[in-house]
Every structure is written in C-alpha cells, then in structure tokens.
C-alpha cells in the first residue's frame, strides 16, 4: 500500500506542476487556464478554505478539494497538450537541487532573523 500511495503522491506533484505550466501556456483553453491557475494557487497557498487546526474537516480540503480540482482541470486541458506538459514537469522535478545555491539564501534568512531578534532585545 505504501508504494502505491507514494506513486500517487508523485503523480499528483507532477500533475500539479503540469497544471501550473498549462495555466501559462497559450494553447490551453481559457476556462482550463483559469481553473488550473486557481487550483494550483490554492494547493500551494498557506491559506485554506477550512483551517487545518479544525479536526477532520481541516484536512478534508487537502484530501478532497485539491485532488478533485486537479482532476477537473486535467479533464479540461487537451490530452496531447497535457501529455507534453507532464513530460516537461517530470523533467523539471528531476533537476538536481543546488545546495550551493541554497546556502546564501539560508544565510540571508539567518542574518535577517538575528537582526530582528537583536532589535526586539533592545
């Protein structure tokens, strides 16, 4: 069961990225663009329709609304275009993560937090 769940999560991640690409593609119909953009924005947004701290209901939007929105958006995007965008999104996901590039960003965040802490301590 765990390998199936992991494969499903990877496919969901790939399809979410493919929908993000579809929202910006000129070949995507307007309705599909709007729905794909809304679904992806909601999926990545820290603001939920139902806050996560509400027991059971808080997780329903993440477990039901987002996958259903992705499914509907996938139905609206033409199949040949979606196949192409899935290949592009898989290529993007496979790119290696640059730890060297992450170090300066982490340093800036740490310095910013230290500066804020220093200002509050005074």
PDB file of N, CA and C in Angstrom:
ATOM      1  N   UNK A   1       0.817  -1.196   0.000  1.00  0.00           N
ATOM      2  CA  UNK A   1       0.000   0.000   0.000  1.00  0.00           C
ATOM      3  C   UNK A   1       0.855   1.253   0.000  1.00  0.00           C
ATOM      4  N   UNK A   2       1.956   1.249   0.742  1.00  0.00           N
ATOM      5  CA  UNK A   2       2.818   2.421   0.821  1.00  0.00           C
ATOM      6  C   UNK A   2       3.434   2.782  -0.527  1.00  0.00           C
ATOM      7  N   UNK A   3       3.915   1.815  -1.316  1.00  0.00           N
ATOM      8  CA  UNK A   3       4.428   2.180  -2.650  1.00  0.00           C
ATOM      9  C   UNK A   3       3.348   2.797  -3.546  1.00  0.00           C
ATOM     10  N   UNK A   4       2.110   2.300  -3.439  1.00  0.00           N
ATOM     11  CA  UNK A   4       1.011   2.861  -4.227  1.00  0.00           C
ATOM     12  C   UNK A   4       0.726   4.305  -3.821  1.00  0.00           C
ATOM     13  N   UNK A   5       0.735   4.561  -2.532  1.00  0.00           N
ATOM     14  CA  UNK A   5       0.491   5.905  -2.016  1.00  0.00           C
ATOM     15  C   UNK A   5       1.610   6.849  -2.436  1.00  0.00           C
ATOM     16  N   UNK A   6       2.837   6.366  -2.399  1.00  0.00           N
ATOM     17  CA  UNK A   6       3.981   7.175  -2.805  1.00  0.00           C
ATOM     18  C   UNK A   6       3.907   7.499  -4.301  1.00  0.00           C
ATOM     19  N   UNK A   7       3.540   6.528  -5.117  1.00  0.00           N
ATOM     20  CA  UNK A   7       3.406   6.748  -6.561  1.00  0.00           C
ATOM     21  C   UNK A   7       2.282   7.737  -6.843  1.00  0.00           C
ATOM     22  N   UNK A   8       1.176   7.610  -6.098  1.00  0.00           N
ATOM     23  CA  UNK A   8       0.066   8.536  -6.273  1.00  0.00           C
ATOM     24  C   UNK A   8       0.489   9.965  -5.913  1.00  0.00           C
ATOM     25  N   UNK A   9       1.234  10.129  -4.822  1.00  0.00           N
ATOM     26  CA  UNK A   9       1.691  11.450  -4.393  1.00  0.00           C
ATOM     27  C   UNK A   9       2.655  12.047  -5.426  1.00  0.00           C
ATOM     28  N   UNK A  10       3.535  11.234  -5.994  1.00  0.00           N
ATOM     29  CA  UNK A  10       4.455  11.727  -7.018  1.00  0.00           C
ATOM     30  C   UNK A  10       3.700  12.140  -8.276  1.00  0.00           C
ATOM     31  N   UNK A  11       2.693  11.368  -8.653  1.00  0.00           N
ATOM     32  CA  UNK A  11       1.888  11.716  -9.829  1.00  0.00           C
ATOM     33  C   UNK A  11       1.109  12.999  -9.574  1.00  0.00           C
ATOM     34  N   UNK A  12       0.609  13.171  -8.361  1.00  0.00           N
ATOM     35  CA  UNK A  12      -0.116  14.387  -8.003  1.00  0.00           C
ATOM     36  C   UNK A  12       0.808  15.597  -8.065  1.00  0.00           C
ATOM     37  N   UNK A  13       2.031  15.431  -7.590  1.00  0.00           N
ATOM     38  CA  UNK A  13       3.015  16.525  -7.643  1.00  0.00           C
ATOM     39  C   UNK A  13       3.345  16.876  -9.094  1.00  0.00           C
ATOM     40  N   UNK A  14       3.554  15.847  -9.916  1.00  0.00           N
ATOM     41  CA  UNK A  14       3.872  16.070 -11.326  1.00  0.00           C
ATOM     42  C   UNK A  14       2.708  16.758 -12.033  1.00  0.00           C
ATOM     43  N   UNK A  15       1.482  16.295 -11.768  1.00  0.00           N
ATOM     44  CA  UNK A  15       0.321  16.877 -12.416  1.00  0.00           C
ATOM     45  C   UNK A  15       0.060  18.307 -11.952  1.00  0.00           C
ATOM     46  N   UNK A  16       0.331  18.598 -10.688  1.00  0.00           N
ATOM     47  CA  UNK A  16       0.163  19.958 -10.191  1.00  0.00           C
ATOM     48  C   UNK A  16       1.123  20.899 -10.901  1.00  0.00           C
ATOM     49  N   UNK A  17       2.359  20.480 -11.053  1.00  0.00           N
ATOM     50  CA  UNK A  17       3.330  21.289 -11.782  1.00  0.00           C
ATOM     51  C   UNK A  17       2.938  21.410 -13.251  1.00  0.00           C
ATOM     52  N   UNK A  18       2.440  20.327 -13.846  1.00  0.00           N
ATOM     53  CA  UNK A  18       1.994  20.363 -15.241  1.00  0.00           C
ATOM     54  C   UNK A  18       0.815  21.329 -15.404  1.00  0.00           C
ATOM     55  N   UNK A  19      -0.074  21.375 -14.426  1.00  0.00           N
ATOM     56  CA  UNK A  19      -1.185  22.321 -14.486  1.00  0.00           C
ATOM     57  C   UNK A  19      -0.702  23.757 -14.363  1.00  0.00           C
ATOM     58  N   UNK A  20       0.327  23.965 -13.571  1.00  0.00           N
ATOM     59  CA  UNK A  20       0.917  25.309 -13.464  1.00  0.00           C
ATOM     60  C   UNK A  20       1.470  25.733 -14.825  1.00  0.00           C
ATOM     61  N   UNK A  21       2.131  24.805 -15.497  1.00  0.00           N
ATOM     62  CA  UNK A  21       2.637  25.086 -16.839  1.00  0.00           C
ATOM     63  C   UNK A  21       1.486  25.304 -17.817  1.00  0.00           C
ATOM     64  N   UNK A  22       0.399  24.536 -17.666  1.00  0.00           N
ATOM     65  CA  UNK A  22      -0.764  24.678 -18.543  1.00  0.00           C
ATOM     66  C   UNK A  22      -1.429  26.038 -18.370  1.00  0.00           C
ATOM     67  N   UNK A  23      -1.439  26.547 -17.138  1.00  0.00           N
ATOM     68  CA  UNK A  23      -2.056  27.848 -16.881  1.00  0.00           C
ATOM     69  C   UNK A  23      -1.318  28.964 -17.615  1.00  0.00           C
ATOM     70  N   UNK A  24      -0.044  28.759 -17.882  1.00  0.00           N
ATOM     71  CA  UNK A  24       0.729  29.775 -18.595  1.00  0.00           C
ATOM     72  C   UNK A  24       0.921  29.499 -20.071  1.00  0.00           C
ATOM     73  N   UNK A  25       0.381  28.391 -20.558  1.00  0.00           N
ATOM     74  CA  UNK A  25       0.558  28.008 -21.957  1.00  0.00           C
ATOM     75  C   UNK A  25      -0.547  28.616 -22.813  1.00  0.00           C
ATOM     76  N   UNK A  26      -0.176  29.198 -23.949  1.00  0.00           N
ATOM     77  CA  UNK A  26      -1.155  29.860 -24.814  1.00  0.00           C
ATOM     78  C   UNK A  26      -2.084  28.869 -25.518  1.00  0.00           C
ATOM     79  N   UNK A  27      -1.718  27.597 -25.563  1.00  0.00           N
ATOM     80  CA  UNK A  27      -2.544  26.587 -26.219  1.00  0.00           C
ATOM     81  C   UNK A  27      -3.655  26.061 -25.317  1.00  0.00           C
ATOM     82  N   UNK A  28      -3.627  26.409 -24.047  1.00  0.00           N
ATOM     83  CA  UNK A  28      -4.636  25.951 -23.087  1.00  0.00           C
ATOM     84  C   UNK A  28      -5.890  26.816 -23.219  1.00  0.00           C
ATOM     85  N   UNK A  29      -7.075  26.201 -23.288  1.00  0.00           N
ATOM     86  CA  UNK A  29      -8.319  26.989 -23.334  1.00  0.00           C
ATOM     87  C   UNK A  29      -8.468  27.866 -22.085  1.00  0.00           C
ATOM     88  N   UNK A  30      -9.145  28.995 -22.245  1.00  0.00           N
ATOM     89  CA  UNK A  30      -9.258  29.978 -21.160  1.00  0.00           C
ATOM     90  C   UNK A  30      -9.853  29.386 -19.883  1.00  0.00           C
ATOM     91  N   UNK A  31     -10.929  28.619 -19.995  1.00  0.00           N
ATOM     92  CA  UNK A  31     -11.547  28.022 -18.806  1.00  0.00           C
ATOM     93  C   UNK A  31     -10.591  27.102 -18.071  1.00  0.00           C
ATOM     94  N   UNK A  32      -9.840  26.313 -18.830  1.00  0.00           N
ATOM     95  CA  UNK A  32      -8.861  25.410 -18.223  1.00  0.00           C
ATOM     96  C   UNK A  32      -7.735  26.197 -17.571  1.00  0.00           C
ATOM     97  N   UNK A  33      -7.320  27.298 -18.207  1.00  0.00           N
ATOM     98  CA  UNK A  33      -6.268  28.150 -17.625  1.00  0.00           C
ATOM     99  C   UNK A  33      -6.710  28.702 -16.277  1.00  0.00           C
ATOM    100  N   UNK A  34      -7.930  29.223 -16.246  1.00  0.00           N
ATOM    101  CA  UNK A  34      -8.432  29.825 -15.007  1.00  0.00           C
ATOM    102  C   UNK A  34      -8.553  28.790 -13.897  1.00  0.00           C
ATOM    103  N   UNK A  35      -9.128  27.636 -14.219  1.00  0.00           N
ATOM    104  CA  UNK A  35      -9.283  26.591 -13.202  1.00  0.00           C
ATOM    105  C   UNK A  35      -7.928  26.047 -12.771  1.00  0.00           C
ATOM    106  N   UNK A  36      -7.037  25.788 -13.719  1.00  0.00           N
ATOM    107  CA  UNK A  36      -5.707  25.263 -13.375  1.00  0.00           C
ATOM    108  C   UNK A  36      -4.955  26.248 -12.490  1.00  0.00           C
ATOM    109  N   UNK A  37      -4.997  27.526 -12.845  1.00  0.00           N
ATOM    110  CA  UNK A  37      -4.320  28.537 -12.029  1.00  0.00           C
ATOM    111  C   UNK A  37      -4.895  28.622 -10.628  1.00  0.00           C
ATOM    112  N   UNK A  38      -6.220  28.564 -10.527  1.00  0.00           N
ATOM    113  CA  UNK A  38      -6.873  28.637  -9.212  1.00  0.00           C
ATOM    114  C   UNK A  38      -6.544  27.415  -8.365  1.00  0.00           C
ATOM    115  N   UNK A  39      -6.586  26.233  -8.967  1.00  0.00           N
ATOM    116  CA  UNK A  39      -6.312  25.001  -8.217  1.00  0.00           C
ATOM    117  C   UNK A  39      -4.867  24.972  -7.735  1.00  0.00           C
ATOM    118  N   UNK A  40      -3.941  25.315  -8.601  1.00  0.00           N
ATOM    119  CA  UNK A  40      -2.528  25.295  -8.210  1.00  0.00           C
ATOM    120  C   UNK A  40      -2.250  26.363  -7.154  1.00  0.00           C
ATOM    121  N   UNK A  41      -2.828  27.551  -7.331  1.00  0.00           N
ATOM    122  CA  UNK A  41      -2.636  28.604  -6.328  1.00  0.00           C
ATOM    123  C   UNK A  41      -3.193  28.165  -4.978  1.00  0.00           C
ATOM    124  N   UNK A  42      -4.362  27.528  -4.974  1.00  0.00           N
ATOM    125  CA  UNK A  42      -4.950  27.053  -3.722  1.00  0.00           C
ATOM    126  C   UNK A  42      -4.112  25.937  -3.113  1.00  0.00           C
ATOM    127  N   UNK A  43      -3.595  25.039  -3.960  1.00  0.00           N
ATOM    128  CA  UNK A  43      -2.796  23.914  -3.455  1.00  0.00           C
ATOM    129  C   UNK A  43      -1.522  24.404  -2.775  1.00  0.00           C
ATOM    130  N   UNK A  44      -0.917  25.452  -3.315  1.00  0.00           N
ATOM    131  CA  UNK A  44       0.340  25.944  -2.752  1.00  0.00           C
ATOM    132  C   UNK A  44       0.146  27.079  -1.754  1.00  0.00           C
ATOM    133  N   UNK A  45      -1.084  27.541  -1.591  1.00  0.00           N
ATOM    134  CA  UNK A  45      -1.359  28.654  -0.690  1.00  0.00           C
ATOM    135  C   UNK A  45      -1.324  28.206   0.767  1.00  0.00           C
ATOM    136  N   UNK A  46      -0.778  29.039   1.638  1.00  0.00           N
ATOM    137  CA  UNK A  46      -0.806  28.703   3.068  1.00  0.00           C
ATOM    138  C   UNK A  46      -2.189  28.938   3.683  1.00  0.00           C
ATOM    139  N   UNK A  47      -3.080  29.600   2.943  1.00  0.00           N
ATOM    140  CA  UNK A  47      -4.427  29.881   3.446  1.00  0.00           C
ATOM    141  C   UNK A  47      -5.370  28.810   2.907  1.00  0.00           C
ATOM    142  N   UNK A  48      -6.102  28.161   3.809  1.00  0.00           N
ATOM    143  CA  UNK A  48      -7.030  27.102   3.441  1.00  0.00           C
ATOM    144  C   UNK A  48      -8.464  27.576   3.579  1.00  0.00           C
ATOM    145  N   UNK A  49      -9.336  26.955   2.809  1.00  0.00           N
ATOM    146  CA  UNK A  49     -10.764  27.223   2.920  1.00  0.00           C
ATOM    147  C   UNK A  49     -11.248  26.837   4.320  1.00  0.00           C
ATOM    148  N   UNK A  50     -10.797  25.687   4.780  1.00  0.00           N
ATOM    149  CA  UNK A  50     -11.088  25.208   6.137  1.00  0.00           C
ATOM    150  C   UNK A  50      -9.743  25.096   6.849  1.00  0.00           C
ATOM    151  N   UNK A  51      -9.518  25.868   7.931  1.00  0.00           N
ATOM    152  CA  UNK A  51      -8.222  25.825   8.616  1.00  0.00           C
ATOM    153  C   UNK A  51      -7.858  24.410   9.076  1.00  0.00           C
ATOM    154  N   UNK A  52      -6.570  24.073   8.972  1.00  0.00           N
ATOM    155  CA  UNK A  52      -6.100  22.727   9.290  1.00  0.00           C
ATOM    156  C   UNK A  52      -6.258  22.358  10.765  1.00  0.00           C
ATOM    157  N   UNK A  53      -6.350  23.345  11.646  1.00  0.00           N
ATOM    158  CA  UNK A  53      -6.442  23.019  13.073  1.00  0.00           C
ATOM    159  C   UNK A  53      -7.825  22.503  13.470  1.00  0.00           C
ATOM    160  N   UNK A  54      -8.815  22.597  12.573  1.00  0.00           N
ATOM    161  CA  UNK A  54     -10.136  22.037  12.859  1.00  0.00           C
ATOM    162  C   UNK A  54     -10.055  20.527  12.610  1.00  0.00           C
ATOM    163  N   UNK A  55     -10.321  19.727  13.638  1.00  0.00           N
ATOM    164  CA  UNK A  55     -10.170  18.271  13.490  1.00  0.00           C
ATOM    165  C   UNK A  55     -10.997  17.719  12.320  1.00  0.00           C
ATOM    166  N   UNK A  56     -10.435  16.821  11.607  1.00  0.00           N
ATOM    167  CA  UNK A  56     -11.011  16.092  10.475  1.00  0.00           C
ATOM    168  C   UNK A  56     -11.365  17.028   9.308  1.00  0.00           C
ATOM    169  N   UNK A  57     -12.226  18.000   9.541  1.00  0.00           N
ATOM    170  CA  UNK A  57     -12.643  18.905   8.461  1.00  0.00           C
ATOM    171  C   UNK A  57     -11.470  19.700   7.892  1.00  0.00           C
ATOM    172  N   UNK A  58     -10.506  20.037   8.734  1.00  0.00           N
ATOM    173  CA  UNK A  58      -9.358  20.820   8.293  1.00  0.00           C
ATOM    174  C   UNK A  58      -8.516  20.114   7.244  1.00  0.00           C
ATOM    175  N   UNK A  59      -8.516  18.811   7.288  1.00  0.00           N
ATOM    176  CA  UNK A  59      -7.735  18.050   6.310  1.00  0.00           C
ATOM    177  C   UNK A  59      -8.545  17.675   5.077  1.00  0.00           C
ATOM    178  N   UNK A  60      -9.853  17.812   5.137  1.00  0.00           N
ATOM    179  CA  UNK A  60     -10.687  17.426   4.010  1.00  0.00           C
ATOM    180  C   UNK A  60     -10.397  18.235   2.755  1.00  0.00           C
ATOM    181  N   UNK A  61     -10.116  19.541   2.930  1.00  0.00           N
ATOM    182  CA  UNK A  61      -9.838  20.331   1.734  1.00  0.00           C
ATOM    183  C   UNK A  61      -8.556  19.864   1.055  1.00  0.00           C
ATOM    184  N   UNK A  62      -7.564  19.473   1.854  1.00  0.00           N
ATOM    185  CA  UNK A  62      -6.312  18.988   1.268  1.00  0.00           C
ATOM    186  C   UNK A  62      -6.480  17.610   0.646  1.00  0.00           C
ATOM    187  N   UNK A  63      -7.341  16.787   1.221  1.00  0.00           N
ATOM    188  CA  UNK A  63      -7.508  15.420   0.738  1.00  0.00           C
ATOM    189  C   UNK A  63      -8.604  15.263  -0.314  1.00  0.00           C
ATOM    190  N   UNK A  64      -9.536  16.212  -0.383  1.00  0.00           N
ATOM    191  CA  UNK A  64     -10.640  16.100  -1.333  1.00  0.00           C
ATOM    192  C   UNK A  64     -10.692  17.232  -2.349  1.00  0.00           C
ATOM    193  N   UNK A  65     -10.702  18.461  -1.862  1.00  0.00           N
ATOM    194  CA  UNK A  65     -10.886  19.612  -2.757  1.00  0.00           C
ATOM    195  C   UNK A  65      -9.741  19.738  -3.751  1.00  0.00           C
ATOM    196  N   UNK A  66      -8.512  19.665  -3.277  1.00  0.00           N
ATOM    197  CA  UNK A  66      -7.361  19.828  -4.176  1.00  0.00           C
ATOM    198  C   UNK A  66      -7.294  18.703  -5.212  1.00  0.00           C
ATOM    199  N   UNK A  67      -7.352  17.421  -4.812  1.00  0.00           N
ATOM    200  CA  UNK A  67      -7.325  16.374  -5.843  1.00  0.00           C
ATOM    201  C   UNK A  67      -8.499  16.447  -6.831  1.00  0.00           C
ATOM    202  N   UNK A  68      -9.695  16.800  -6.338  1.00  0.00           N
ATOM    203  CA  UNK A  68     -10.837  16.929  -7.247  1.00  0.00           C
ATOM    204  C   UNK A  68     -10.651  18.100  -8.211  1.00  0.00           C
ATOM    205  N   UNK A  69     -10.114  19.195  -7.706  1.00  0.00           N
ATOM    206  CA  UNK A  69      -9.833  20.339  -8.574  1.00  0.00           C
ATOM    207  C   UNK A  69      -8.786  20.003  -9.616  1.00  0.00           C
ATOM    208  N   UNK A  70      -7.753  19.268  -9.213  1.00  0.00           N
ATOM    209  CA  UNK A  70      -6.718  18.841 -10.157  1.00  0.00           C
ATOM    210  C   UNK A  70      -7.328  17.914 -11.201  1.00  0.00           C
ATOM    211  N   UNK A  71      -8.170  16.977 -10.764  1.00  0.00           N
ATOM    212  CA  UNK A  71      -8.808  16.042 -11.695  1.00  0.00           C
ATOM    213  C   UNK A  71      -9.658  16.788 -12.722  1.00  0.00           C
ATOM    214  N   UNK A  72     -10.441  17.761 -12.256  1.00  0.00           N
ATOM    215  CA  UNK A  72     -11.307  18.510 -13.160  1.00  0.00           C
ATOM    216  C   UNK A  72     -10.473  19.344 -14.139  1.00  0.00           C
ATOM    217  N   UNK A  73      -9.431  19.994 -13.633  1.00  0.00           N
ATOM    218  CA  UNK A  73      -8.574  20.802 -14.508  1.00  0.00           C
ATOM    219  C   UNK A  73      -7.887  19.923 -15.546  1.00  0.00           C
ATOM    220  N   UNK A  74      -7.474  18.729 -15.136  1.00  0.00           N
ATOM    221  CA  UNK A  74      -6.840  17.800 -16.076  1.00  0.00           C
ATOM    222  C   UNK A  74      -7.803  17.402 -17.189  1.00  0.00           C
ATOM    223  N   UNK A  75      -9.087  17.294 -16.876  1.00  0.00           N
ATOM    224  CA  UNK A  75     -10.091  16.945 -17.885  1.00  0.00           C
ATOM    225  C   UNK A  75     -10.306  18.083 -18.887  1.00  0.00           C
ATOM    226  N   UNK A  76     -10.067  19.330 -18.459  1.00  0.00           N
ATOM    227  CA  UNK A  76     -10.301  20.476 -19.332  1.00  0.00           C
ATOM    228  C   UNK A  76      -9.128  20.788 -20.261  1.00  0.00           C
ATOM    229  N   UNK A  77      -7.945  20.374 -19.878  1.00  0.00           N
ATOM    230  CA  UNK A  77      -6.765  20.616 -20.715  1.00  0.00           C
ATOM    231  C   UNK A  77      -6.725  19.522 -21.789  1.00  0.00           C
ATOM    232  N   UNK A  78      -6.509  19.893 -23.063  1.00  0.00           N
ATOM    233  CA  UNK A  78      -6.437  18.875 -24.122  1.00  0.00           C
ATOM    234  C   UNK A  78      -5.381  17.811 -23.811  1.00  0.00           C
ATOM    235  N   UNK A  79      -5.736  16.549 -24.062  1.00  0.00           N
ATOM    236  CA  UNK A  79      -4.878  15.413 -23.703  1.00  0.00           C
ATOM    237  C   UNK A  79      -3.477  15.486 -24.315  1.00  0.00           C
ATOM    238  N   UNK A  80      -3.327  15.814 -25.610  1.00  0.00           N
ATOM    239  CA  UNK A  80      -1.964  15.877 -26.165  1.00  0.00           C
ATOM    240  C   UNK A  80      -1.111  16.964 -25.497  1.00  0.00           C
ATOM    241  N   UNK A  81      -1.734  18.100 -25.182  1.00  0.00           N
ATOM    242  CA  UNK A  81      -1.010  19.177 -24.500  1.00  0.00           C
ATOM    243  C   UNK A  81      -0.631  18.737 -23.092  1.00  0.00           C
ATOM    244  N   UNK A  82      -1.547  18.064 -22.400  1.00  0.00           N
ATOM    245  CA  UNK A  82      -1.267  17.611 -21.037  1.00  0.00           C
ATOM    246  C   UNK A  82      -0.137  16.593 -21.024  1.00  0.00           C
ATOM    247  N   UNK A  83      -0.096  15.717 -22.022  1.00  0.00           N
ATOM    248  CA  UNK A  83       0.991  14.734 -22.105  1.00  0.00           C
ATOM    249  C   UNK A  83       2.333  15.443 -22.269  1.00  0.00           C
ATOM    250  N   UNK A  84       2.363  16.457 -23.105  1.00  0.00           N
ATOM    251  CA  UNK A  84       3.597  17.234 -23.303  1.00  0.00           C
ATOM    252  C   UNK A  84       4.004  17.956 -22.020  1.00  0.00           C
ATOM    253  N   UNK A  85       3.037  18.544 -21.330  1.00  0.00           N
ATOM    254  CA  UNK A  85       3.335  19.284 -20.098  1.00  0.00           C
ATOM    255  C   UNK A  85       3.751  18.350 -18.964  1.00  0.00           C
ATOM    256  N   UNK A  86       3.218  17.128 -18.951  1.00  0.00           N
ATOM    257  CA  UNK A  86       3.652  16.150 -17.947  1.00  0.00           C
ATOM    258  C   UNK A  86       5.121  15.786 -18.158  1.00  0.00           C
ATOM    259  N   UNK A  87       5.534  15.650 -19.401  1.00  0.00           N
ATOM    260  CA  UNK A  87       6.947  15.369 -19.697  1.00  0.00           C
ATOM    261  C   UNK A  87       7.812  16.533 -19.239  1.00  0.00           C
ATOM    262  N   UNK A  88       7.373  17.764 -19.528  1.00  0.00           N
ATOM    263  CA  UNK A  88       8.119  18.945 -19.094  1.00  0.00           C
ATOM    264  C   UNK A  88       8.207  19.033 -17.573  1.00  0.00           C
ATOM    265  N   UNK A  89       7.092  18.737 -16.891  1.00  0.00           N
ATOM    266  CA  UNK A  89       7.102  18.832 -15.428  1.00  0.00           C
ATOM    267  C   UNK A  89       7.975  17.739 -14.815  1.00  0.00           C
ATOM    268  N   UNK A  90       7.969  16.542 -15.408  1.00  0.00           N
ATOM    269  CA  UNK A  90       8.839  15.468 -14.902  1.00  0.00           C
ATOM    270  C   UNK A  90      10.301  15.857 -15.071  1.00  0.00           C
ATOM    271  N   UNK A  91      10.616  16.528 -16.168  1.00  0.00           N
ATOM    272  CA  UNK A  91      11.983  16.992 -16.405  1.00  0.00           C
ATOM    273  C   UNK A  91      12.386  18.051 -15.367  1.00  0.00           C
ATOM    274  N   UNK A  92      11.460  18.928 -15.031  1.00  0.00           N
ATOM    275  CA  UNK A  92      11.736  19.969 -14.036  1.00  0.00           C
ATOM    276  C   UNK A  92      11.950  19.345 -12.661  1.00  0.00           C
ATOM    277  N   UNK A  93      11.108  18.372 -12.301  1.00  0.00           N
ATOM    278  CA  UNK A  93      11.207  17.717 -10.990  1.00  0.00           C
ATOM    279  C   UNK A  93      12.518  16.949 -10.858  1.00  0.00           C
ATOM    280  N   UNK A  94      13.004  16.386 -11.963  1.00  0.00           N
ATOM    281  CA  UNK A  94      14.233  15.590 -11.927  1.00  0.00           C
ATOM    282  C   UNK A  94      15.497  16.422 -11.793  1.00  0.00           C
ATOM    283  N   UNK A  95      15.411  17.726 -12.025  1.00  0.00           N
ATOM    284  CA  UNK A  95      16.606  18.559 -11.933  1.00  0.00           C
ATOM    285  C   UNK A  95      17.175  18.496 -10.518  1.00  0.00           C
ATOM    286  N   UNK A  96      18.499  18.410 -10.414  1.00  0.00           N
ATOM    287  CA  UNK A  96      19.093  18.338  -9.074  1.00  0.00           C
ATOM    288  C   UNK A  96      18.919  19.654  -8.315  1.00  0.00           C
ATOM    289  N   UNK A  97      18.823  19.522  -7.012  1.00  0.00           N
ATOM    290  CA  UNK A  97      18.694  20.682  -6.142  1.00  0.00           C
ATOM    291  C   UNK A  97      20.083  21.214  -5.845  1.00  0.00           C
ATOM    292  N   UNK A  98      20.252  22.513  -5.958  1.00  0.00           N
ATOM    293  CA  UNK A  98      21.549  23.128  -5.717  1.00  0.00           C
ATOM    294  C   UNK A  98      21.693  23.497  -4.246  1.00  0.00           C
ATOM    295  N   UNK A  99      22.482  22.742  -3.533  1.00  0.00           N
ATOM    296  CA  UNK A  99      22.738  23.060  -2.122  1.00  0.00           C
ATOM    297  C   UNK A  99      23.647  24.279  -2.017  1.00  0.00           C
ATOM    298  N   UNK A 100      24.492  24.455  -3.011  1.00  0.00           N
ATOM    299  CA  UNK A 100      25.360  25.632  -3.026  1.00  0.00           C
ATOM    300  C   UNK A 100      24.524  26.900  -3.170  1.00  0.00           C
ATOM    301  N   UNK A 101      23.489  26.843  -3.983  1.00  0.00           N
ATOM    302  CA  UNK A 101      22.607  27.990  -4.153  1.00  0.00           C
ATOM    303  C   UNK A 101      21.739  28.231  -2.933  1.00  0.00           C
ATOM    304  N   UNK A 102      21.431  27.182  -2.189  1.00  0.00           N
ATOM    305  CA  UNK A 102      20.583  27.320  -1.003  1.00  0.00           C
ATOM    306  C   UNK A 102      21.345  27.934   0.167  1.00  0.00           C
ATOM    307  N   UNK A 103      22.659  27.761   0.210  1.00  0.00           N
ATOM    308  CA  UNK A 103      23.456  28.270   1.336  1.00  0.00           C
ATOM    309  C   UNK A 103      23.358  29.792   1.480  1.00  0.00           C
ATOM    310  N   UNK A 104      23.542  30.586   0.411  1.00  0.00           N
ATOM    311  CA  UNK A 104      23.420  32.044   0.583  1.00  0.00           C
ATOM    312  C   UNK A 104      22.012  32.475   0.999  1.00  0.00           C
ATOM    313  N   UNK A 105      21.010  31.789   0.497  1.00  0.00           N
ATOM    314  CA  UNK A 105      19.629  32.136   0.871  1.00  0.00           C
ATOM    315  C   UNK A 105      19.401  31.848   2.347  1.00  0.00           C
ATOM    316  N   UNK A 106      19.888  30.707   2.814  1.00  0.00           N
ATOM    317  CA  UNK A 106      19.769  30.372   4.232  1.00  0.00           C
ATOM    318  C   UNK A 106      20.532  31.380   5.089  1.00  0.00           C
ATOM    319  N   UNK A 107      21.699  31.804   4.622  1.00  0.00           N
ATOM    320  CA  UNK A 107      22.492  32.785   5.368  1.00  0.00           C
ATOM    321  C   UNK A 107      21.750  34.118   5.484  1.00  0.00           C
ATOM    322  N   UNK A 108      21.097  34.539   4.425  1.00  0.00           N
ATOM    323  CA  UNK A 108      20.329  35.792   4.462  1.00  0.00           C
ATOM    324  C   UNK A 108      19.174  35.671   5.450  1.00  0.00           C
ATOM    325  N   UNK A 109      18.470  34.540   5.446  1.00  0.00           N
ATOM    326  CA  UNK A 109      17.372  34.335   6.391  1.00  0.00           C
ATOM    327  C   UNK A 109      17.865  34.336   7.833  1.00  0.00           C
ATOM    328  N   UNK A 110      18.955  33.661   8.084  1.00  0.00           N
ATOM    329  CA  UNK A 110      19.505  33.602   9.447  1.00  0.00           C
ATOM    330  C   UNK A 110      19.938  34.991   9.896  1.00  0.00           C
ATOM    331  N   UNK A 111      20.596  35.733   9.007  1.00  0.00           N
ATOM    332  CA  UNK A 111      21.019  37.088   9.349  1.00  0.00           C
ATOM    333  C   UNK A 111      19.811  37.985   9.608  1.00  0.00           C
ATOM    334  N   UNK A 112      18.767  37.840   8.807  1.00  0.00           N
ATOM    335  CA  UNK A 112      17.557  38.645   8.999  1.00  0.00           C
ATOM    336  C   UNK A 112      16.890  38.327  10.330  1.00  0.00           C
ATOM    337  N   UNK A 113      16.788  37.054  10.660  1.00  0.00           N
ATOM    338  CA  UNK A 113      16.195  36.668  11.938  1.00  0.00           C
ATOM    339  C   UNK A 113      17.028  37.148  13.116  1.00  0.00           C
ATOM    340  N   UNK A 114      18.349  37.087  12.973  1.00  0.00           N
ATOM    341  CA  UNK A 114      19.234  37.571  14.039  1.00  0.00           C
ATOM    342  C   UNK A 114      19.066  39.073  14.226  1.00  0.00           C
ATOM    343  N   UNK A 115      18.940  39.800  13.119  1.00  0.00           N
ATOM    344  CA  UNK A 115      18.761  41.251  13.194  1.00  0.00           C
ATOM    345  C   UNK A 115      17.430  41.597  13.856  1.00  0.00           C
ATOM    346  N   UNK A 116      16.394  40.901  13.495  1.00  0.00           N
ATOM    347  CA  UNK A 116      15.073  41.134  14.106  1.00  0.00           C
ATOM    348  C   UNK A 116      15.122  40.806  15.598  1.00  0.00           C
ATOM    349  N   UNK A 117      15.753  39.707  15.967  1.00  0.00           N
ATOM    350  CA  UNK A 117      15.877  39.349  17.379  1.00  0.00           C
ATOM    351  C   UNK A 117      16.675  40.401  18.136  1.00  0.00           C
ATOM    352  N   UNK A 118      17.726  40.887  17.529  1.00  0.00           N
ATOM    353  CA  UNK A 118      18.550  41.923  18.167  1.00  0.00           C
ATOM    354  C   UNK A 118      17.746  43.201  18.379  1.00  0.00           C
ATOM    355  N   UNK A 119      16.926  43.580  17.407  1.00  0.00           N
ATOM    356  CA  UNK A 119      16.104  44.788  17.539  1.00  0.00           C
ATOM    357  C   UNK A 119      15.056  44.634  18.637  1.00  0.00           C
ATOM    358  N   UNK A 120      14.483  43.448  18.768  1.00  0.00           N
ATOM    359  CA  UNK A 120      13.492  43.221  19.812  1.00  0.00           C
ATOM    360  C   UNK A 120      14.112  43.142  21.199  1.00  0.00           C
ATOM    361  N   UNK A 121      15.342  42.678  21.296  1.00  0.00           N
ATOM    362  CA  UNK A 121      16.001  42.564  22.605  1.00  0.00           C
ATOM    363  C   UNK A 121      16.433  43.923  23.147  1.00  0.00           C
ATOM    364  N   UNK A 122      16.573  44.880  22.310  1.00  0.00           N
ATOM    365  CA  UNK A 122      16.971  46.222  22.776  1.00  0.00           C
ATOM    366  C   UNK A 122      15.821  46.923  23.314  1.00  0.00           C
TER     367      UNK A 122
END
